Amino acid sequence: MYNDLELMVFSLIFSDTTEDRFPKFKLSHNFLFYLFSQSTNDNKNIFNLTFDSFKEYLESIFEKFILEHPRLKREKYEREVIEYFIRDYTKFKSLKKIAKEQLILCKNNNINCIGFFSDNYPQKLTSLDNPPFILFYLGNFPEEKELEKSLAVIGTRNPDEKYGPEVAKRVGKVLSDLDWWNISGLALGCDTYGHMGAIKKTGAILGQGLLTSIYPKENINLAEEILNSNGFLLSELPPLVKPNTDYFLLRNRLQMALTSGIFLVEASSSGGSIKTTKLAMKHNKKILVWNPENILELNSKEEISGNKYLLNLKNKNIIGIFNSKELFYFLNSK
C-alpha cells in the first residue's frame, strides 16, 4: 500500500508542530490517522492522486470523519485540513524530499525502520486507534513472541526515596532473571531504576528522534548502557525530531501496547503513569501494582495515591504485589 518513504511522510506530518513557545501540532492526529486508515481500506494511495482527485477524496474523507465525530468543531478541523493539504499541495513534494533524506540518515546511522505494512511490524501495536506509521530503533528489538514476556515498569519521577528506587530495581531484576523484558520510557525516577534493574533485558521508548540528544540528559549514559547490553531504543518519530511534552504523552501508549502489562511502582492519582495504566485497563492488560506491606507508613504520600486508587477498584486485571518473591511466582506462572 504505502512504502517506507510515504510512511515517513506520514510520520513527518504526525510530528509537525508550530514554532511557538508552546508548540502545537499543525494537523489533528485524529484526522491524520483517520485519513491513513480510510485510504488504506480504500486501497487508495493519496500520494498517487492528482491534485483534483486528492482534493475530492480528502473532502469525502473529511465528511465521513465529521459524521463519525459529531462533537468536534467542524470549522477548526476544516481550517486545519485546508491549510495543511490544499493551499500548498506542492508540500507533498518537499515532504517526500525530506523523507528521503531522513531515510538516508537512518541508514547511515544504523537506525532500523519498520513500516506499518512490514511483516516485522509488531501486531500488538495494531490494536491502537493510532498505531505508528513507522518505527525507528537502535539495538536489539524483540520479536513478536518475545514481547509476550514483557512488562512496562513505570511510575512517578519523584518516588519515595526510602522505597521507590529499590522496588523499581528489584522488579527490573526479577524480570531480567526470568528472561522477561522491561520496556519503559527512560524517564527520571521509577523508569530509570526499572531500566537499571533489568539492564540485561530492557528497552526504552523515546519521545524524540533517535539522532537528537537523549532527554533527560541525566540518562544519556543509561541509554548507552542499554544498547551495550543488547537492549534497544525505539521511537515513532523521525530521527531529527526534538523532544517535547506532547511526544512523551504519545510515547506512553506505545509502552502499554507493546507489553503484556504494566508494573506500577508509585504514582499519584493524576500523573502520566496513572493515565498510562488506565489506558492499559481499556486494553484489558494485566496491571501489577506495588502494594507495600507498610502502606500505612506511606499513607500521606501523594506519590502512592495512584496505587491506592487502583487497588480499591477491585478490577480482576489489577493485582497487588507485596514483594519481589510474589512477583517471581506470578511471572513464573505465565
C-alpha atoms as a PDB file:
ATOM      1  CA  MET A   1       0.000   0.000   0.000  1.00  0.00           C
ATOM      2  CA  TYR A   2       2.282   2.775   1.295  1.00  0.00           C
ATOM      3  CA  ASN A   3       6.057   2.274   1.054  1.00  0.00           C
ATOM      4  CA  ASP A   4       8.545   3.373   3.720  1.00  0.00           C
ATOM      5  CA  LEU A   5       9.169   6.726   2.023  1.00  0.00           C
ATOM      6  CA  GLU A   6       5.450   7.522   2.100  1.00  0.00           C
ATOM      7  CA  LEU A   7       5.105   6.263   5.657  1.00  0.00           C
ATOM      8  CA  MET A   8       7.961   8.579   6.582  1.00  0.00           C
ATOM      9  CA  VAL A   9       5.932  11.451   5.090  1.00  0.00           C
ATOM     10  CA  PHE A  10       3.005  10.489   7.338  1.00  0.00           C
ATOM     11  CA  SER A  11       5.433  10.438  10.261  1.00  0.00           C
ATOM     12  CA  LEU A  12       6.727  13.903   9.361  1.00  0.00           C
ATOM     13  CA  ILE A  13       3.160  15.229   9.268  1.00  0.00           C
ATOM     14  CA  PHE A  14       2.434  13.487  12.579  1.00  0.00           C
ATOM     15  CA  SER A  15       5.379  15.234  14.241  1.00  0.00           C
ATOM     16  CA  ASP A  16       4.916  18.626  12.571  1.00  0.00           C
ATOM     17  CA  THR A  17       4.418  21.348  15.190  1.00  0.00           C
ATOM     18  CA  THR A  18       4.268  25.118  15.292  1.00  0.00           C
ATOM     19  CA  GLU A  19       7.343  27.025  16.407  1.00  0.00           C
ATOM     20  CA  ASP A  20       5.555  28.818  19.242  1.00  0.00           C
ATOM     21  CA  ARG A  21       6.778  28.904  22.798  1.00  0.00           C
ATOM     22  CA  PHE A  22       4.254  26.152  23.470  1.00  0.00           C
ATOM     23  CA  PRO A  23       4.275  24.116  20.222  1.00  0.00           C
ATOM     24  CA  LYS A  24       1.028  22.677  18.893  1.00  0.00           C
ATOM     25  CA  PHE A  25       0.513  20.010  16.254  1.00  0.00           C
ATOM     26  CA  LYS A  26      -0.322  21.587  12.909  1.00  0.00           C
ATOM     27  CA  LEU A  27      -2.743  18.822  11.974  1.00  0.00           C
ATOM     28  CA  SER A  28      -5.117  16.863  14.200  1.00  0.00           C
ATOM     29  CA  HIS A  29      -3.748  13.385  14.859  1.00  0.00           C
ATOM     30  CA  ASN A  30      -7.304  12.069  14.954  1.00  0.00           C
ATOM     31  CA  PHE A  31      -7.876  13.165  11.384  1.00  0.00           C
ATOM     32  CA  LEU A  32      -4.425  12.093  10.171  1.00  0.00           C
ATOM     33  CA  PHE A  33      -4.905   8.534  11.434  1.00  0.00           C
ATOM     34  CA  TYR A  34      -8.445   8.514  10.051  1.00  0.00           C
ATOM     35  CA  LEU A  35      -7.151   9.544   6.628  1.00  0.00           C
ATOM     36  CA  PHE A  36      -4.461   6.868   6.777  1.00  0.00           C
ATOM     37  CA  SER A  37      -6.899   4.152   7.857  1.00  0.00           C
ATOM     38  CA  GLN A  38      -9.596   5.044   5.340  1.00  0.00           C
ATOM     39  CA  SER A  39      -7.201   5.376   2.415  1.00  0.00           C
ATOM     40  CA  THR A  40      -5.686   2.008   3.333  1.00  0.00           C
ATOM     41  CA  ASN A  41      -9.119   0.388   3.460  1.00  0.00           C
ATOM     42  CA  ASP A  42      -9.989   2.001   0.116  1.00  0.00           C
ATOM     43  CA  ASN A  43      -6.649   0.890  -1.338  1.00  0.00           C
ATOM     44  CA  LYS A  44      -6.119   4.483  -2.436  1.00  0.00           C
ATOM     45  CA  ASN A  45      -2.589   5.840  -2.140  1.00  0.00           C
ATOM     46  CA  ILE A  46      -3.065   9.591  -1.635  1.00  0.00           C
ATOM     47  CA  PHE A  47       0.420  10.320  -2.996  1.00  0.00           C
ATOM     48  CA  ASN A  48      -0.515   8.900  -6.402  1.00  0.00           C
ATOM     49  CA  LEU A  49      -3.570  11.126  -6.874  1.00  0.00           C
ATOM     50  CA  THR A  50      -3.727  14.265  -8.979  1.00  0.00           C
ATOM     51  CA  PHE A  51      -4.466  17.461  -7.090  1.00  0.00           C
ATOM     52  CA  ASP A  52      -8.137  17.496  -8.130  1.00  0.00           C
ATOM     53  CA  SER A  53      -8.607  13.802  -7.297  1.00  0.00           C
ATOM     54  CA  PHE A  54      -6.867  14.254  -3.965  1.00  0.00           C
ATOM     55  CA  LYS A  55      -8.974  17.292  -3.099  1.00  0.00           C
ATOM     56  CA  GLU A  56     -12.175  15.419  -3.931  1.00  0.00           C
ATOM     57  CA  TYR A  57     -11.084  12.364  -1.930  1.00  0.00           C
ATOM     58  CA  LEU A  58      -9.970  14.484   1.010  1.00  0.00           C
ATOM     59  CA  GLU A  59     -13.372  16.212   1.110  1.00  0.00           C
ATOM     60  CA  SER A  60     -15.182  12.863   1.172  1.00  0.00           C
ATOM     61  CA  ILE A  61     -12.928  11.569   3.956  1.00  0.00           C
ATOM     62  CA  PHE A  62     -13.428  14.749   5.946  1.00  0.00           C
ATOM     63  CA  GLU A  63     -17.230  14.467   5.671  1.00  0.00           C
ATOM     64  CA  LYS A  64     -17.095  10.898   6.993  1.00  0.00           C
ATOM     65  CA  PHE A  65     -14.767  11.976   9.772  1.00  0.00           C
ATOM     66  CA  ILE A  66     -17.108  14.736  10.935  1.00  0.00           C
ATOM     67  CA  LEU A  67     -20.137  12.432  10.767  1.00  0.00           C
ATOM     68  CA  GLU A  68     -18.367   9.916  12.994  1.00  0.00           C
ATOM     69  CA  HIS A  69     -17.163  12.648  15.378  1.00  0.00           C
ATOM     70  CA  PRO A  70     -20.167  14.991  15.639  1.00  0.00           C
ATOM     71  CA  ARG A  71     -18.914  16.719  18.780  1.00  0.00           C
ATOM     72  CA  LEU A  72     -15.839  18.098  17.061  1.00  0.00           C
ATOM     73  CA  LYS A  73     -15.777  21.706  15.910  1.00  0.00           C
ATOM     74  CA  ARG A  74     -16.025  21.330  12.154  1.00  0.00           C
ATOM     75  CA  GLU A  75     -14.663  24.815  11.378  1.00  0.00           C
ATOM     76  CA  LYS A  76     -11.448  24.262  13.318  1.00  0.00           C
ATOM     77  CA  TYR A  77     -10.697  20.908  11.712  1.00  0.00           C
ATOM     78  CA  GLU A  78     -11.686  22.042   8.239  1.00  0.00           C
ATOM     79  CA  ARG A  79      -9.387  25.041   8.521  1.00  0.00           C
ATOM     80  CA  GLU A  80      -6.507  22.778   9.608  1.00  0.00           C
ATOM     81  CA  VAL A  81      -7.038  20.339   6.744  1.00  0.00           C
ATOM     82  CA  ILE A  82      -7.315  23.067   4.093  1.00  0.00           C
ATOM     83  CA  GLU A  83      -4.270  24.864   5.460  1.00  0.00           C
ATOM     84  CA  TYR A  84      -2.163  21.731   5.569  1.00  0.00           C
ATOM     85  CA  PHE A  85      -3.130  19.907   2.385  1.00  0.00           C
ATOM     86  CA  ILE A  86      -4.968  22.148  -0.067  1.00  0.00           C
ATOM     87  CA  ARG A  87      -3.394  25.585   0.000  1.00  0.00           C
ATOM     88  CA  ASP A  88       0.045  24.196  -0.706  1.00  0.00           C
ATOM     89  CA  TYR A  89      -0.256  20.845  -2.463  1.00  0.00           C
ATOM     90  CA  THR A  90       3.397  21.113  -3.508  1.00  0.00           C
ATOM     91  CA  LYS A  91       4.151  20.452   0.186  1.00  0.00           C
ATOM     92  CA  PHE A  92       3.936  16.731  -0.626  1.00  0.00           C
ATOM     93  CA  LYS A  93       6.938  17.117  -2.926  1.00  0.00           C
ATOM     94  CA  SER A  94       9.010  18.870  -0.275  1.00  0.00           C
ATOM     95  CA  LEU A  95       7.921  16.356   2.375  1.00  0.00           C
ATOM     96  CA  LYS A  96       8.956  13.472   0.123  1.00  0.00           C
ATOM     97  CA  LYS A  97      12.355  15.095  -0.333  1.00  0.00           C
ATOM     98  CA  ILE A  98      12.774  15.474   3.440  1.00  0.00           C
ATOM     99  CA  ALA A  99      11.532  11.902   3.966  1.00  0.00           C
ATOM    100  CA  LYS A 100      14.152  10.578   1.554  1.00  0.00           C
ATOM    101  CA  GLU A 101      16.874  12.495   3.397  1.00  0.00           C
ATOM    102  CA  GLN A 102      15.625  11.130   6.729  1.00  0.00           C
ATOM    103  CA  LEU A 103      15.711   7.532   5.472  1.00  0.00           C
ATOM    104  CA  ILE A 104      19.282   8.036   4.262  1.00  0.00           C
ATOM    105  CA  LEU A 105      20.164   9.425   7.704  1.00  0.00           C
ATOM    106  CA  CYS A 106      18.692   6.301   9.274  1.00  0.00           C
ATOM    107  CA  LYS A 107      20.706   4.017   7.014  1.00  0.00           C
ATOM    108  CA  ASN A 108      23.938   5.930   7.645  1.00  0.00           C
ATOM    109  CA  ASN A 109      23.436   5.796  11.423  1.00  0.00           C
ATOM    110  CA  ASN A 110      22.363   2.139  11.770  1.00  0.00           C
ATOM    111  CA  ILE A 111      18.792   3.095  12.628  1.00  0.00           C
ATOM    112  CA  ASN A 112      16.425   0.316  11.608  1.00  0.00           C
ATOM    113  CA  CYS A 113      12.977   1.136  10.194  1.00  0.00           C
ATOM    114  CA  ILE A 114       9.821  -0.963  10.394  1.00  0.00           C
ATOM    115  CA  GLY A 115       6.922   0.335   8.316  1.00  0.00           C
ATOM    116  CA  PHE A 116       3.278  -0.312   9.136  1.00  0.00           C
ATOM    117  CA  PHE A 117       2.931  -2.799   6.264  1.00  0.00           C
ATOM    118  CA  SER A 118       6.134  -4.700   7.074  1.00  0.00           C
ATOM    119  CA  ASP A 119       5.937  -8.343   8.174  1.00  0.00           C
ATOM    120  CA  ASN A 120       8.074  -7.320  11.167  1.00  0.00           C
ATOM    121  CA  TYR A 121       5.665  -4.637  12.377  1.00  0.00           C
ATOM    122  CA  PRO A 122       4.531  -5.592  15.918  1.00  0.00           C
ATOM    123  CA  GLN A 123       0.952  -6.864  15.790  1.00  0.00           C
ATOM    124  CA  LYS A 124       0.462  -5.618  19.341  1.00  0.00           C
ATOM    125  CA  LEU A 125       0.531  -2.048  18.035  1.00  0.00           C
ATOM    126  CA  THR A 126      -2.280  -2.642  15.536  1.00  0.00           C
ATOM    127  CA  SER A 127      -4.755  -2.748  18.442  1.00  0.00           C
ATOM    128  CA  LEU A 128      -4.258   1.007  18.845  1.00  0.00           C
ATOM    129  CA  ASP A 129      -6.547   3.552  17.201  1.00  0.00           C
ATOM    130  CA  ASN A 130      -3.367   5.482  16.362  1.00  0.00           C
ATOM    131  CA  PRO A 131      -0.601   2.967  15.592  1.00  0.00           C
ATOM    132  CA  PRO A 132       2.762   4.395  14.498  1.00  0.00           C
ATOM    133  CA  PHE A 133       3.197   4.793  10.755  1.00  0.00           C
ATOM    134  CA  ILE A 134       6.810   3.692  11.015  1.00  0.00           C
ATOM    135  CA  LEU A 135       9.079   2.623  13.862  1.00  0.00           C
ATOM    136  CA  PHE A 136      12.735   3.540  14.265  1.00  0.00           C
ATOM    137  CA  TYR A 137      15.060   1.630  16.532  1.00  0.00           C
ATOM    138  CA  LEU A 138      18.657   1.160  17.561  1.00  0.00           C
ATOM    139  CA  GLY A 139      19.908  -2.096  19.046  1.00  0.00           C
ATOM    140  CA  ASN A 140      18.095  -5.388  19.507  1.00  0.00           C
ATOM    141  CA  PHE A 141      14.322  -5.034  19.143  1.00  0.00           C
ATOM    142  CA  PRO A 142      12.482  -8.179  20.331  1.00  0.00           C
ATOM    143  CA  GLU A 143      10.380 -10.345  18.033  1.00  0.00           C
ATOM    144  CA  GLU A 144       6.621 -10.648  18.499  1.00  0.00           C
ATOM    145  CA  LYS A 145       6.892 -13.858  20.536  1.00  0.00           C
ATOM    146  CA  GLU A 146       9.388 -12.270  22.938  1.00  0.00           C
ATOM    147  CA  LEU A 147       7.030  -9.365  23.559  1.00  0.00           C
ATOM    148  CA  GLU A 148       4.590 -11.790  25.163  1.00  0.00           C
ATOM    149  CA  LYS A 149       7.015 -11.866  28.089  1.00  0.00           C
ATOM    150  CA  SER A 150       7.337  -8.151  28.754  1.00  0.00           C
ATOM    151  CA  LEU A 151       6.143  -5.560  31.243  1.00  0.00           C
ATOM    152  CA  ALA A 152       6.429  -1.794  31.392  1.00  0.00           C
ATOM    153  CA  VAL A 153       7.884  -0.780  34.759  1.00  0.00           C
ATOM    154  CA  ILE A 154       6.618   2.758  35.235  1.00  0.00           C
ATOM    155  CA  GLY A 155       5.895   5.309  37.923  1.00  0.00           C
ATOM    156  CA  THR A 156       6.441   8.787  39.230  1.00  0.00           C
ATOM    157  CA  ARG A 157       9.546  10.838  38.509  1.00  0.00           C
ATOM    158  CA  ASN A 158       9.715  11.559  42.244  1.00  0.00           C
ATOM    159  CA  PRO A 159       9.456   8.213  44.037  1.00  0.00           C
ATOM    160  CA  ASP A 160       9.662   7.896  47.794  1.00  0.00           C
ATOM    161  CA  GLU A 161      13.424   7.886  48.413  1.00  0.00           C
ATOM    162  CA  LYS A 162      13.243   5.152  51.024  1.00  0.00           C
ATOM    163  CA  TYR A 163      11.326   2.605  48.936  1.00  0.00           C
ATOM    164  CA  GLY A 164      10.616   3.572  45.320  1.00  0.00           C
ATOM    165  CA  PRO A 165      14.071   3.238  43.715  1.00  0.00           C
ATOM    166  CA  GLU A 166      14.768  -0.088  45.393  1.00  0.00           C
ATOM    167  CA  VAL A 167      11.360  -1.507  44.440  1.00  0.00           C
ATOM    168  CA  ALA A 168      11.799  -0.481  40.788  1.00  0.00           C
ATOM    169  CA  LYS A 169      15.303  -2.001  40.659  1.00  0.00           C
ATOM    170  CA  ARG A 170      14.132  -5.274  42.219  1.00  0.00           C
ATOM    171  CA  VAL A 171      11.199  -5.541  39.833  1.00  0.00           C
ATOM    172  CA  GLY A 172      13.523  -4.959  36.891  1.00  0.00           C
ATOM    173  CA  LYS A 173      15.956  -7.595  38.148  1.00  0.00           C
ATOM    174  CA  VAL A 174      13.222 -10.192  38.653  1.00  0.00           C
ATOM    175  CA  LEU A 175      12.032  -9.584  35.085  1.00  0.00           C
ATOM    176  CA  SER A 176      15.547  -9.910  33.712  1.00  0.00           C
ATOM    177  CA  ASP A 177      16.304 -13.039  35.743  1.00  0.00           C
ATOM    178  CA  LEU A 178      13.178 -14.726  34.372  1.00  0.00           C
ATOM    179  CA  ASP A 179      14.003 -13.674  30.805  1.00  0.00           C
ATOM    180  CA  TRP A 180      11.234 -11.057  30.646  1.00  0.00           C
ATOM    181  CA  TRP A 181      11.670  -7.675  29.004  1.00  0.00           C
ATOM    182  CA  ASN A 182      11.171  -4.372  30.789  1.00  0.00           C
ATOM    183  CA  ILE A 183      10.041  -1.868  28.146  1.00  0.00           C
ATOM    184  CA  SER A 184       9.742   1.590  29.635  1.00  0.00           C
ATOM    185  CA  GLY A 185      10.310   5.243  28.789  1.00  0.00           C
ATOM    186  CA  LEU A 186      13.756   6.261  30.125  1.00  0.00           C
ATOM    187  CA  ALA A 187      12.127   8.988  32.242  1.00  0.00           C
ATOM    188  CA  LEU A 188      13.657  10.059  35.525  1.00  0.00           C
ATOM    189  CA  GLY A 189      12.500   8.268  38.662  1.00  0.00           C
ATOM    190  CA  CYS A 190      10.827   4.854  38.518  1.00  0.00           C
ATOM    191  CA  ASP A 191      11.538   4.329  34.806  1.00  0.00           C
ATOM    192  CA  THR A 192      15.241   4.916  35.360  1.00  0.00           C
ATOM    193  CA  TYR A 193      15.545   2.494  38.278  1.00  0.00           C
ATOM    194  CA  GLY A 194      13.493  -0.143  36.476  1.00  0.00           C
ATOM    195  CA  HIS A 195      15.841   0.027  33.466  1.00  0.00           C
ATOM    196  CA  MET A 196      18.841  -0.221  35.782  1.00  0.00           C
ATOM    197  CA  GLY A 197      17.492  -3.339  37.488  1.00  0.00           C
ATOM    198  CA  ALA A 198      16.631  -5.003  34.175  1.00  0.00           C
ATOM    199  CA  ILE A 199      19.718  -3.816  32.308  1.00  0.00           C
ATOM    200  CA  LYS A 200      20.307  -7.239  30.739  1.00  0.00           C
ATOM    201  CA  LYS A 201      16.824  -7.262  29.215  1.00  0.00           C
ATOM    202  CA  THR A 202      15.423  -3.778  28.738  1.00  0.00           C
ATOM    203  CA  GLY A 203      14.386  -1.311  26.066  1.00  0.00           C
ATOM    204  CA  ALA A 204      13.310   2.323  26.098  1.00  0.00           C
ATOM    205  CA  ILE A 205      10.673   4.085  24.014  1.00  0.00           C
ATOM    206  CA  LEU A 206      11.621   7.709  23.489  1.00  0.00           C
ATOM    207  CA  GLY A 207       9.610  10.856  22.887  1.00  0.00           C
ATOM    208  CA  GLN A 208      12.195  12.179  20.415  1.00  0.00           C
ATOM    209  CA  GLY A 209      14.076  11.225  17.276  1.00  0.00           C
ATOM    210  CA  LEU A 210      16.997   8.849  17.672  1.00  0.00           C
ATOM    211  CA  LEU A 211      19.556  11.333  16.319  1.00  0.00           C
ATOM    212  CA  THR A 212      18.824  14.017  18.916  1.00  0.00           C
ATOM    213  CA  SER A 213      20.463  14.344  22.339  1.00  0.00           C
ATOM    214  CA  ILE A 214      18.924  11.979  24.864  1.00  0.00           C
ATOM    215  CA  TYR A 215      16.358  13.554  27.162  1.00  0.00           C
ATOM    216  CA  PRO A 216      16.608  13.673  30.095  1.00  0.00           C
ATOM    217  CA  LYS A 217      20.339  14.348  29.893  1.00  0.00           C
ATOM    218  CA  GLU A 218      20.817  12.536  33.228  1.00  0.00           C
ATOM    219  CA  ASN A 219      20.074   9.287  31.382  1.00  0.00           C
ATOM    220  CA  ILE A 220      22.494   9.645  28.471  1.00  0.00           C
ATOM    221  CA  ASN A 221      24.848   7.062  29.975  1.00  0.00           C
ATOM    222  CA  LEU A 222      21.938   4.758  30.812  1.00  0.00           C
ATOM    223  CA  ALA A 223      20.777   4.873  27.187  1.00  0.00           C
ATOM    224  CA  GLU A 224      24.269   3.856  26.053  1.00  0.00           C
ATOM    225  CA  GLU A 225      24.355   1.071  28.647  1.00  0.00           C
ATOM    226  CA  ILE A 226      21.002  -0.247  27.398  1.00  0.00           C
ATOM    227  CA  LEU A 227      22.377  -0.515  23.862  1.00  0.00           C
ATOM    228  CA  ASN A 228      25.648  -2.045  25.076  1.00  0.00           C
ATOM    229  CA  SER A 229      23.639  -4.666  26.986  1.00  0.00           C
ATOM    230  CA  ASN A 230      21.779  -5.892  23.886  1.00  0.00           C
ATOM    231  CA  GLY A 231      18.698  -3.753  24.553  1.00  0.00           C
ATOM    232  CA  PHE A 232      17.067  -1.174  22.308  1.00  0.00           C
ATOM    233  CA  LEU A 233      15.970   2.431  21.928  1.00  0.00           C
ATOM    234  CA  LEU A 234      12.788   2.930  19.911  1.00  0.00           C
ATOM    235  CA  SER A 235      10.815   5.902  18.602  1.00  0.00           C
ATOM    236  CA  GLU A 236       7.913   6.571  16.245  1.00  0.00           C
ATOM    237  CA  LEU A 237       9.381   9.990  15.419  1.00  0.00           C
ATOM    238  CA  PRO A 238      11.722  10.836  12.524  1.00  0.00           C
ATOM    239  CA  PRO A 239      15.386  10.880  13.621  1.00  0.00           C
ATOM    240  CA  LEU A 240      15.852  14.659  13.922  1.00  0.00           C
ATOM    241  CA  VAL A 241      12.660  15.459  15.873  1.00  0.00           C
ATOM    242  CA  LYS A 242      13.496  17.089  19.197  1.00  0.00           C
ATOM    243  CA  PRO A 243      11.720  16.061  22.409  1.00  0.00           C
ATOM    244  CA  ASN A 244       8.674  17.850  23.746  1.00  0.00           C
ATOM    245  CA  THR A 245       5.964  17.122  26.301  1.00  0.00           C
ATOM    246  CA  ASP A 246       3.337  16.019  23.767  1.00  0.00           C
ATOM    247  CA  TYR A 247       5.672  13.382  22.356  1.00  0.00           C
ATOM    248  CA  PHE A 248       6.201  11.914  25.829  1.00  0.00           C
ATOM    249  CA  LEU A 249       2.446  11.600  26.325  1.00  0.00           C
ATOM    250  CA  LEU A 250       2.131   9.864  22.953  1.00  0.00           C
ATOM    251  CA  ARG A 251       5.052   7.599  23.836  1.00  0.00           C
ATOM    252  CA  ASN A 252       3.127   6.222  26.821  1.00  0.00           C
ATOM    253  CA  ARG A 253       0.560   4.453  24.629  1.00  0.00           C
ATOM    254  CA  LEU A 254       3.380   2.502  22.952  1.00  0.00           C
ATOM    255  CA  GLN A 255       4.711   1.225  26.273  1.00  0.00           C
ATOM    256  CA  MET A 256       1.247  -0.024  27.092  1.00  0.00           C
ATOM    257  CA  ALA A 257       0.562  -1.587  23.693  1.00  0.00           C
ATOM    258  CA  LEU A 258       3.906  -3.348  23.166  1.00  0.00           C
ATOM    259  CA  THR A 259       3.953  -5.085  26.541  1.00  0.00           C
ATOM    260  CA  SER A 260       1.795  -7.747  28.179  1.00  0.00           C
ATOM    261  CA  GLY A 261       1.082  -5.473  31.095  1.00  0.00           C
ATOM    262  CA  ILE A 262       2.138  -2.693  33.431  1.00  0.00           C
ATOM    263  CA  PHE A 263       4.013  -2.752  36.710  1.00  0.00           C
ATOM    264  CA  LEU A 264       3.200   0.446  38.577  1.00  0.00           C
ATOM    265  CA  VAL A 265       5.814   1.214  41.205  1.00  0.00           C
ATOM    266  CA  GLU A 266       4.466   4.509  42.524  1.00  0.00           C
ATOM    267  CA  ALA A 267       2.145   7.094  41.033  1.00  0.00           C
ATOM    268  CA  SER A 268      -0.029   9.978  42.061  1.00  0.00           C
ATOM    269  CA  SER A 269      -3.707   9.767  41.198  1.00  0.00           C
ATOM    270  CA  SER A 270      -3.363  12.322  38.395  1.00  0.00           C
ATOM    271  CA  GLY A 271       0.076  11.799  36.814  1.00  0.00           C
ATOM    272  CA  GLY A 272       1.116  10.441  33.439  1.00  0.00           C
ATOM    273  CA  SER A 273       1.725   6.958  34.849  1.00  0.00           C
ATOM    274  CA  ILE A 274      -1.831   6.583  36.099  1.00  0.00           C
ATOM    275  CA  LYS A 275      -3.118   7.695  32.681  1.00  0.00           C
ATOM    276  CA  THR A 276      -0.993   5.008  31.039  1.00  0.00           C
ATOM    277  CA  THR A 277      -2.384   2.469  33.490  1.00  0.00           C
ATOM    278  CA  LYS A 278      -5.984   3.497  32.754  1.00  0.00           C
ATOM    279  CA  LEU A 279      -5.281   3.064  29.042  1.00  0.00           C
ATOM    280  CA  ALA A 280      -3.926  -0.413  29.806  1.00  0.00           C
ATOM    281  CA  MET A 281      -7.184  -1.207  31.614  1.00  0.00           C
ATOM    282  CA  LYS A 282      -9.158  -0.306  28.477  1.00  0.00           C
ATOM    283  CA  HIS A 283      -6.980  -2.728  26.520  1.00  0.00           C
ATOM    284  CA  ASN A 284      -7.557  -5.495  29.068  1.00  0.00           C
ATOM    285  CA  LYS A 285      -3.891  -5.684  30.078  1.00  0.00           C
ATOM    286  CA  LYS A 286      -2.635  -7.067  33.392  1.00  0.00           C
ATOM    287  CA  ILE A 287      -1.746  -4.318  35.844  1.00  0.00           C
ATOM    288  CA  LEU A 288       0.602  -5.176  38.678  1.00  0.00           C
ATOM    289  CA  VAL A 289       0.601  -2.574  41.424  1.00  0.00           C
ATOM    290  CA  TRP A 290       3.104  -2.269  44.221  1.00  0.00           C
ATOM    291  CA  ASN A 291       1.041  -2.746  47.381  1.00  0.00           C
ATOM    292  CA  PRO A 292       3.612  -2.252  50.131  1.00  0.00           C
ATOM    293  CA  GLU A 293       3.082  -4.009  53.442  1.00  0.00           C
ATOM    294  CA  ASN A 294       3.954  -0.698  55.060  1.00  0.00           C
ATOM    295  CA  ILE A 295       1.303   1.211  53.078  1.00  0.00           C
ATOM    296  CA  LEU A 296       0.079   2.838  56.283  1.00  0.00           C
ATOM    297  CA  GLU A 297       3.508   4.418  56.716  1.00  0.00           C
ATOM    298  CA  LEU A 298       3.200   5.871  53.209  1.00  0.00           C
ATOM    299  CA  ASN A 299      -0.467   6.801  53.568  1.00  0.00           C
ATOM    300  CA  SER A 300       0.128  10.530  53.429  1.00  0.00           C
ATOM    301  CA  LYS A 301       2.369  10.319  50.374  1.00  0.00           C
ATOM    302  CA  GLU A 302       0.855  11.769  47.198  1.00  0.00           C
ATOM    303  CA  GLU A 303       3.207   9.540  45.163  1.00  0.00           C
ATOM    304  CA  ILE A 304       1.343   6.442  46.356  1.00  0.00           C
ATOM    305  CA  SER A 305      -2.225   7.762  45.911  1.00  0.00           C
ATOM    306  CA  GLY A 306      -2.473   6.259  42.428  1.00  0.00           C
ATOM    307  CA  ASN A 307      -1.578   2.831  43.804  1.00  0.00           C
ATOM    308  CA  LYS A 308      -4.331   3.046  46.391  1.00  0.00           C
ATOM    309  CA  TYR A 309      -6.832   4.249  43.806  1.00  0.00           C
ATOM    310  CA  LEU A 310      -6.162   1.260  41.533  1.00  0.00           C
ATOM    311  CA  LEU A 311      -6.176  -1.325  44.309  1.00  0.00           C
ATOM    312  CA  ASN A 312      -9.538  -0.042  45.510  1.00  0.00           C
ATOM    313  CA  LEU A 313     -11.110  -0.593  42.087  1.00  0.00           C
ATOM    314  CA  LYS A 314     -11.267  -4.361  42.691  1.00  0.00           C
ATOM    315  CA  ASN A 315     -10.665  -4.988  38.993  1.00  0.00           C
ATOM    316  CA  LYS A 316      -9.790  -8.604  38.081  1.00  0.00           C
ATOM    317  CA  ASN A 317      -6.823  -7.406  35.981  1.00  0.00           C
ATOM    318  CA  ILE A 318      -5.330  -5.348  38.818  1.00  0.00           C
ATOM    319  CA  ILE A 319      -3.045  -7.397  41.023  1.00  0.00           C
ATOM    320  CA  GLY A 320      -1.377  -6.101  44.171  1.00  0.00           C
ATOM    321  CA  ILE A 321       2.248  -7.187  44.563  1.00  0.00           C
ATOM    322  CA  PHE A 322       3.767  -7.048  48.044  1.00  0.00           C
ATOM    323  CA  ASN A 323       7.336  -8.132  47.320  1.00  0.00           C
ATOM    324  CA  SER A 324       9.709  -9.499  44.684  1.00  0.00           C
ATOM    325  CA  LYS A 325       9.006 -13.107  45.707  1.00  0.00           C
ATOM    326  CA  GLU A 326       5.326 -12.631  44.875  1.00  0.00           C
ATOM    327  CA  LEU A 327       6.271 -11.096  41.538  1.00  0.00           C
ATOM    328  CA  PHE A 328       8.598 -14.038  40.865  1.00  0.00           C
ATOM    329  CA  TYR A 329       5.766 -16.542  41.396  1.00  0.00           C
ATOM    330  CA  PHE A 330       3.359 -14.527  39.258  1.00  0.00           C
ATOM    331  CA  LEU A 331       5.738 -14.326  36.278  1.00  0.00           C
ATOM    332  CA  ASN A 332       6.744 -17.969  36.637  1.00  0.00           C
ATOM    333  CA  SER A 333       3.117 -18.991  36.274  1.00  0.00           C
ATOM    334  CA  LYS A 334       2.852 -17.280  32.866  1.00  0.00           C
END
